[in-house]
Amino acid sequence: MYSESFLKYFYLDEVSDEVKGPHTIEELNDLEFSNVIFPETKVAEQGTENWVSLLNARTAHSSKVERLMEREAHEESMTPYTENTELLDRISFFELSSEKRTEIYDLISGLAAELENRALHKEEIQFLTAWDKLNDREYGERLLTQNEMSKSPEKQSTAKQVGVWGSILAGQGMLARNSLKAMETDVDDMADGLLGED
């Protein structure tokens, strides 16, 4: 978690007209409590020349800390995607353990659900792209699906694994059904056209 202590400030001592610091916002609050500085005292964040009142600096500080914490939370939530993207960029499907494949399928399922409600983040898109471009993925999935389907029902994988391969097969079946429906519609249209010409 980001520490507020890395954000430091200088203040302009109104008595000596000297710049003093750097201090954390907590230290400035202590100085104000001791009547060394006041809400109107001019302060500037370390590395800037933007002098504002302590009161305004406090507000800006809170906003900055909140943004930094949000960024850290986002980066942390994206860790599974960035780590897996790096992995997928350097290996083939056949080098993935079954546990890693299950983890990746879970991430993909989660993203599919999220996509209904929001746009995906850059890191999530990069992960999906890496998965899509993974060497030997389609061939490996076909082999695993064929192997799973050739087993007797009592020897098929766990419910989670069956769910994954069932989803793949269902997707392939849906594509095939859609193609057949489109062909059927085309044939009907052609028949209507031929019959209408008589």
C-alpha atoms as a PDB file:
ATOM      1  CA  MET A   1       0.000   0.000   0.000  1.00  0.00           C
ATOM      2  CA  TYR A   2       1.220   3.484  -0.808  1.00  0.00           C
ATOM      3  CA  SER A   3       2.506   5.324   2.220  1.00  0.00           C
ATOM      4  CA  GLU A   4       1.505   8.924   2.633  1.00  0.00           C
ATOM      5  CA  SER A   5       4.959   9.599   4.054  1.00  0.00           C
ATOM      6  CA  PHE A   6       6.636   9.586   0.643  1.00  0.00           C
ATOM      7  CA  LEU A   7       4.742  12.787  -0.261  1.00  0.00           C
ATOM      8  CA  LYS A   8       6.698  15.597   1.354  1.00  0.00           C
ATOM      9  CA  TYR A   9       6.254  19.351   1.474  1.00  0.00           C
ATOM     10  CA  PHE A  10       8.251  22.503   2.117  1.00  0.00           C
ATOM     11  CA  TYR A  11       6.690  25.431   3.885  1.00  0.00           C
ATOM     12  CA  LEU A  12       7.528  29.119   3.863  1.00  0.00           C
ATOM     13  CA  ASP A  13       8.284  30.291   7.406  1.00  0.00           C
ATOM     14  CA  GLU A  14       6.491  33.628   7.627  1.00  0.00           C
ATOM     15  CA  VAL A  15       8.690  34.875  10.480  1.00  0.00           C
ATOM     16  CA  SER A  16      12.132  34.131   9.010  1.00  0.00           C
ATOM     17  CA  ASP A  17      10.984  34.128   5.362  1.00  0.00           C
ATOM     18  CA  GLU A  18      12.896  30.854   4.924  1.00  0.00           C
ATOM     19  CA  VAL A  19      11.802  27.695   3.146  1.00  0.00           C
ATOM     20  CA  LYS A  20      11.784  24.783   5.601  1.00  0.00           C
ATOM     21  CA  GLY A  21      11.293  21.076   5.140  1.00  0.00           C
ATOM     22  CA  PRO A  22      10.643  18.700   3.633  1.00  0.00           C
ATOM     23  CA  HIS A  23       7.900  17.420   5.929  1.00  0.00           C
ATOM     24  CA  THR A  24       5.127  14.861   5.616  1.00  0.00           C
ATOM     25  CA  ILE A  25       1.567  16.150   5.760  1.00  0.00           C
ATOM     26  CA  GLU A  26       1.320  14.665   9.261  1.00  0.00           C
ATOM     27  CA  GLU A  27       4.365  16.666  10.362  1.00  0.00           C
ATOM     28  CA  LEU A  28       2.813  19.818   8.901  1.00  0.00           C
ATOM     29  CA  ASN A  29      -0.368  19.064  10.847  1.00  0.00           C
ATOM     30  CA  ASP A  30       1.720  18.779  14.037  1.00  0.00           C
ATOM     31  CA  LEU A  31       3.418  22.109  13.243  1.00  0.00           C
ATOM     32  CA  GLU A  32       0.005  23.688  12.739  1.00  0.00           C
ATOM     33  CA  PHE A  33      -1.229  22.213  16.024  1.00  0.00           C
ATOM     34  CA  SER A  34       1.836  23.790  17.712  1.00  0.00           C
ATOM     35  CA  ASN A  35       1.023  27.169  16.066  1.00  0.00           C
ATOM     36  CA  VAL A  36       4.299  27.149  14.125  1.00  0.00           C
ATOM     37  CA  ILE A  37       2.389  27.308  10.835  1.00  0.00           C
ATOM     38  CA  PHE A  38      -1.238  28.122   9.979  1.00  0.00           C
ATOM     39  CA  PRO A  39      -3.890  27.077   7.424  1.00  0.00           C
ATOM     40  CA  GLU A  40      -2.842  30.033   5.234  1.00  0.00           C
ATOM     41  CA  THR A  41       0.910  29.186   5.375  1.00  0.00           C
ATOM     42  CA  LYS A  42       2.292  28.608   1.881  1.00  0.00           C
ATOM     43  CA  VAL A  43       3.507  25.073   1.175  1.00  0.00           C
ATOM     44  CA  ALA A  44       4.837  23.343  -1.936  1.00  0.00           C
ATOM     45  CA  GLU A  45       5.103  19.630  -2.665  1.00  0.00           C
ATOM     46  CA  GLN A  46       8.711  18.467  -2.897  1.00  0.00           C
ATOM     47  CA  GLY A  47       9.895  18.711  -6.509  1.00  0.00           C
ATOM     48  CA  THR A  48       7.403  21.446  -7.454  1.00  0.00           C
ATOM     49  CA  GLU A  49       7.278  25.227  -7.333  1.00  0.00           C
ATOM     50  CA  ASN A  50       3.513  25.309  -6.863  1.00  0.00           C
ATOM     51  CA  TRP A  51       2.984  27.228  -3.604  1.00  0.00           C
ATOM     52  CA  VAL A  52      -0.496  26.907  -2.113  1.00  0.00           C
ATOM     53  CA  SER A  53      -2.012  27.305   1.320  1.00  0.00           C
ATOM     54  CA  LEU A  54      -1.631  24.450   3.771  1.00  0.00           C
ATOM     55  CA  LEU A  55      -5.411  24.080   3.645  1.00  0.00           C
ATOM     56  CA  ASN A  56      -5.402  23.581  -0.150  1.00  0.00           C
ATOM     57  CA  ALA A  57      -2.316  21.349   0.061  1.00  0.00           C
ATOM     58  CA  ARG A  58      -4.164  19.078   2.496  1.00  0.00           C
ATOM     59  CA  THR A  59      -7.081  18.696   0.076  1.00  0.00           C
ATOM     60  CA  ALA A  60      -4.759  18.036  -2.881  1.00  0.00           C
ATOM     61  CA  HIS A  61      -2.749  15.583  -0.758  1.00  0.00           C
ATOM     62  CA  SER A  62      -5.859  13.564   0.105  1.00  0.00           C
ATOM     63  CA  SER A  63      -6.880  13.403  -3.551  1.00  0.00           C
ATOM     64  CA  LYS A  64      -3.389  12.351  -4.624  1.00  0.00           C
ATOM     65  CA  VAL A  65      -3.169   9.615  -1.979  1.00  0.00           C
ATOM     66  CA  GLU A  66      -6.621   8.356  -2.986  1.00  0.00           C
ATOM     67  CA  ARG A  67      -5.567   8.192  -6.675  1.00  0.00           C
ATOM     68  CA  LEU A  68      -2.332   6.397  -5.771  1.00  0.00           C
ATOM     69  CA  MET A  69      -4.214   3.868  -3.660  1.00  0.00           C
ATOM     70  CA  GLU A  70      -6.713   3.288  -6.480  1.00  0.00           C
ATOM     71  CA  ARG A  71      -3.836   2.755  -8.917  1.00  0.00           C
ATOM     72  CA  GLU A  72      -2.173   0.307  -6.525  1.00  0.00           C
ATOM     73  CA  ALA A  73      -5.447  -1.609  -6.051  1.00  0.00           C
ATOM     74  CA  HIS A  74      -5.895  -1.742  -9.832  1.00  0.00           C
ATOM     75  CA  GLU A  75      -2.329  -2.994 -10.373  1.00  0.00           C
ATOM     76  CA  GLU A  76      -2.834  -5.636  -7.698  1.00  0.00           C
ATOM     77  CA  SER A  77      -6.114  -6.813  -9.246  1.00  0.00           C
ATOM     78  CA  MET A  78      -4.396  -7.039 -12.650  1.00  0.00           C
ATOM     79  CA  THR A  79      -1.483  -9.153 -11.341  1.00  0.00           C
ATOM     80  CA  PRO A  80      -2.959 -12.527 -12.405  1.00  0.00           C
ATOM     81  CA  TYR A  81      -3.470 -11.170 -15.928  1.00  0.00           C
ATOM     82  CA  THR A  82      -0.037  -9.553 -16.307  1.00  0.00           C
ATOM     83  CA  GLU A  83       1.780 -12.571 -14.855  1.00  0.00           C
ATOM     84  CA  ASN A  84      -0.085 -14.987 -17.115  1.00  0.00           C
ATOM     85  CA  THR A  85       0.422 -12.737 -20.146  1.00  0.00           C
ATOM     86  CA  GLU A  86       4.184 -12.848 -19.566  1.00  0.00           C
ATOM     87  CA  LEU A  87       4.017 -16.640 -19.256  1.00  0.00           C
ATOM     88  CA  LEU A  88       1.857 -17.136 -22.358  1.00  0.00           C
ATOM     89  CA  ASP A  89       4.163 -14.945 -24.443  1.00  0.00           C
ATOM     90  CA  ARG A  90       7.082 -17.336 -23.969  1.00  0.00           C
ATOM     91  CA  ILE A  91       5.634 -20.874 -23.960  1.00  0.00           C
ATOM     92  CA  SER A  92       3.392 -23.202 -25.933  1.00  0.00           C
ATOM     93  CA  PHE A  93       0.031 -24.683 -24.906  1.00  0.00           C
ATOM     94  CA  PHE A  94       1.694 -28.061 -24.452  1.00  0.00           C
ATOM     95  CA  GLU A  95       3.991 -26.632 -21.757  1.00  0.00           C
ATOM     96  CA  LEU A  96       1.082 -25.555 -19.520  1.00  0.00           C
ATOM     97  CA  SER A  97       0.295 -27.799 -16.563  1.00  0.00           C
ATOM     98  CA  SER A  98      -3.328 -28.865 -16.164  1.00  0.00           C
ATOM     99  CA  GLU A  99      -3.524 -26.665 -13.037  1.00  0.00           C
ATOM    100  CA  LYS A 100      -2.292 -23.633 -14.976  1.00  0.00           C
ATOM    101  CA  ARG A 101      -4.774 -24.321 -17.796  1.00  0.00           C
ATOM    102  CA  THR A 102      -7.598 -24.522 -15.235  1.00  0.00           C
ATOM    103  CA  GLU A 103      -6.441 -21.230 -13.676  1.00  0.00           C
ATOM    104  CA  ILE A 104      -6.386 -19.569 -17.092  1.00  0.00           C
ATOM    105  CA  TYR A 105      -9.818 -20.916 -18.046  1.00  0.00           C
ATOM    106  CA  ASP A 106     -11.170 -19.565 -14.745  1.00  0.00           C
ATOM    107  CA  LEU A 107      -9.705 -16.128 -15.531  1.00  0.00           C
ATOM    108  CA  ILE A 108     -11.228 -16.221 -19.011  1.00  0.00           C
ATOM    109  CA  SER A 109     -14.645 -17.239 -17.634  1.00  0.00           C
ATOM    110  CA  GLY A 110     -14.468 -14.380 -15.142  1.00  0.00           C
ATOM    111  CA  LEU A 111     -13.622 -11.904 -17.881  1.00  0.00           C
ATOM    112  CA  ALA A 112     -16.496 -13.153 -20.030  1.00  0.00           C
ATOM    113  CA  ALA A 113     -18.879 -12.404 -17.146  1.00  0.00           C
ATOM    114  CA  GLU A 114     -17.283  -8.997 -16.545  1.00  0.00           C
ATOM    115  CA  LEU A 115     -17.557  -8.076 -20.228  1.00  0.00           C
ATOM    116  CA  GLU A 116     -21.335  -8.031 -19.885  1.00  0.00           C
ATOM    117  CA  ASN A 117     -21.041  -5.197 -17.353  1.00  0.00           C
ATOM    118  CA  ARG A 118     -17.974  -3.155 -18.235  1.00  0.00           C
ATOM    119  CA  ALA A 119     -15.171  -2.550 -20.693  1.00  0.00           C
ATOM    120  CA  LEU A 120     -12.091  -4.658 -20.103  1.00  0.00           C
ATOM    121  CA  HIS A 121      -8.869  -3.124 -18.830  1.00  0.00           C
ATOM    122  CA  LYS A 122      -5.751  -2.997 -20.991  1.00  0.00           C
ATOM    123  CA  GLU A 123      -4.072  -5.755 -18.958  1.00  0.00           C
ATOM    124  CA  GLU A 124      -7.090  -8.033 -19.349  1.00  0.00           C
ATOM    125  CA  ILE A 125      -7.164  -7.479 -23.109  1.00  0.00           C
ATOM    126  CA  GLN A 126      -3.437  -8.204 -23.360  1.00  0.00           C
ATOM    127  CA  PHE A 127      -3.986 -11.450 -21.427  1.00  0.00           C
ATOM    128  CA  LEU A 128      -6.823 -12.544 -23.741  1.00  0.00           C
ATOM    129  CA  THR A 129      -4.734 -11.656 -26.786  1.00  0.00           C
ATOM    130  CA  ALA A 130      -1.784 -13.662 -25.458  1.00  0.00           C
ATOM    131  CA  TRP A 131      -4.096 -16.623 -24.868  1.00  0.00           C
ATOM    132  CA  ASP A 132      -5.574 -16.307 -28.345  1.00  0.00           C
ATOM    133  CA  LYS A 133      -2.083 -16.220 -29.909  1.00  0.00           C
ATOM    134  CA  LEU A 134      -0.650 -18.985 -27.681  1.00  0.00           C
ATOM    135  CA  ASN A 135       1.336 -21.479 -29.761  1.00  0.00           C
ATOM    136  CA  ASP A 136      -0.516 -24.771 -30.355  1.00  0.00           C
ATOM    137  CA  ARG A 137      -3.551 -23.708 -28.282  1.00  0.00           C
ATOM    138  CA  GLU A 138      -6.235 -24.734 -30.775  1.00  0.00           C
ATOM    139  CA  TYR A 139      -4.508 -28.025 -31.553  1.00  0.00           C
ATOM    140  CA  GLY A 140      -3.979 -28.764 -27.857  1.00  0.00           C
ATOM    141  CA  GLU A 141      -7.585 -27.955 -26.956  1.00  0.00           C
ATOM    142  CA  ARG A 142      -8.832 -30.173 -29.797  1.00  0.00           C
ATOM    143  CA  LEU A 143      -6.676 -33.059 -28.556  1.00  0.00           C
ATOM    144  CA  LEU A 144      -7.838 -32.629 -24.968  1.00  0.00           C
ATOM    145  CA  THR A 145     -11.485 -32.380 -26.027  1.00  0.00           C
ATOM    146  CA  GLN A 146     -11.252 -35.483 -28.224  1.00  0.00           C
ATOM    147  CA  ASN A 147      -9.520 -37.375 -25.419  1.00  0.00           C
ATOM    148  CA  GLU A 148     -12.153 -36.324 -22.893  1.00  0.00           C
ATOM    149  CA  MET A 149     -15.041 -37.274 -25.157  1.00  0.00           C
ATOM    150  CA  SER A 150     -13.535 -40.683 -25.947  1.00  0.00           C
ATOM    151  CA  LYS A 151     -13.598 -41.670 -22.246  1.00  0.00           C
ATOM    152  CA  SER A 152     -16.485 -43.486 -20.669  1.00  0.00           C
ATOM    153  CA  PRO A 153     -18.591 -41.118 -18.508  1.00  0.00           C
ATOM    154  CA  GLU A 154     -17.244 -42.537 -15.233  1.00  0.00           C
ATOM    155  CA  LYS A 155     -13.663 -41.909 -16.356  1.00  0.00           C
ATOM    156  CA  GLN A 156     -14.155 -38.333 -17.510  1.00  0.00           C
ATOM    157  CA  SER A 157     -12.458 -35.518 -15.613  1.00  0.00           C
ATOM    158  CA  THR A 158     -13.762 -33.625 -12.620  1.00  0.00           C
ATOM    159  CA  ALA A 159     -16.864 -31.491 -12.939  1.00  0.00           C
ATOM    160  CA  LYS A 160     -14.721 -28.384 -13.435  1.00  0.00           C
ATOM    161  CA  GLN A 161     -12.697 -29.979 -16.218  1.00  0.00           C
ATOM    162  CA  VAL A 162     -15.843 -31.370 -17.860  1.00  0.00           C
ATOM    163  CA  GLY A 163     -17.311 -27.881 -17.629  1.00  0.00           C
ATOM    164  CA  VAL A 164     -14.323 -26.435 -19.461  1.00  0.00           C
ATOM    165  CA  TRP A 165     -14.333 -29.034 -22.218  1.00  0.00           C
ATOM    166  CA  GLY A 166     -18.116 -29.035 -22.324  1.00  0.00           C
ATOM    167  CA  SER A 167     -18.002 -25.279 -22.879  1.00  0.00           C
ATOM    168  CA  ILE A 168     -15.518 -25.702 -25.705  1.00  0.00           C
ATOM    169  CA  LEU A 169     -17.666 -28.379 -27.329  1.00  0.00           C
ATOM    170  CA  ALA A 170     -20.833 -26.368 -26.754  1.00  0.00           C
ATOM    171  CA  GLY A 171     -19.187 -23.379 -28.408  1.00  0.00           C
ATOM    172  CA  GLN A 172     -18.110 -25.480 -31.363  1.00  0.00           C
ATOM    173  CA  GLY A 173     -21.599 -27.012 -31.548  1.00  0.00           C
ATOM    174  CA  MET A 174     -23.230 -23.582 -31.441  1.00  0.00           C
ATOM    175  CA  LEU A 175     -21.020 -22.376 -34.293  1.00  0.00           C
ATOM    176  CA  ALA A 176     -21.930 -25.458 -36.317  1.00  0.00           C
ATOM    177  CA  ARG A 177     -25.664 -24.989 -35.602  1.00  0.00           C
ATOM    178  CA  ASN A 178     -25.480 -21.299 -36.558  1.00  0.00           C
ATOM    179  CA  SER A 179     -23.711 -22.212 -39.790  1.00  0.00           C
ATOM    180  CA  LEU A 180     -26.381 -24.814 -40.571  1.00  0.00           C
ATOM    181  CA  LYS A 181     -29.176 -22.326 -39.822  1.00  0.00           C
ATOM    182  CA  ALA A 182     -27.539 -19.750 -42.082  1.00  0.00           C
ATOM    183  CA  MET A 183     -27.238 -22.335 -44.848  1.00  0.00           C
ATOM    184  CA  GLU A 184     -30.865 -23.346 -44.346  1.00  0.00           C
ATOM    185  CA  THR A 185     -31.950 -19.720 -44.615  1.00  0.00           C
ATOM    186  CA  ASP A 186     -29.871 -19.290 -47.780  1.00  0.00           C
ATOM    187  CA  VAL A 187     -31.444 -22.417 -49.313  1.00  0.00           C
ATOM    188  CA  ASP A 188     -34.941 -21.204 -48.385  1.00  0.00           C
ATOM    189  CA  ASP A 189     -34.205 -17.785 -49.925  1.00  0.00           C
ATOM    190  CA  MET A 190     -32.880 -19.399 -53.079  1.00  0.00           C
ATOM    191  CA  ALA A 191     -35.940 -21.667 -53.287  1.00  0.00           C
ATOM    192  CA  ASP A 192     -38.274 -18.700 -52.781  1.00  0.00           C
ATOM    193  CA  GLY A 193     -36.405 -16.824 -55.505  1.00  0.00           C
ATOM    194  CA  LEU A 194     -36.616 -19.723 -57.915  1.00  0.00           C
ATOM    195  CA  LEU A 195     -40.288 -20.352 -57.199  1.00  0.00           C
ATOM    196  CA  GLY A 196     -41.074 -16.663 -57.460  1.00  0.00           C
ATOM    197  CA  GLU A 197     -39.531 -16.474 -60.929  1.00  0.00           C
ATOM    198  CA  ASP A 198     -41.986 -19.044 -62.386  1.00  0.00           C
END
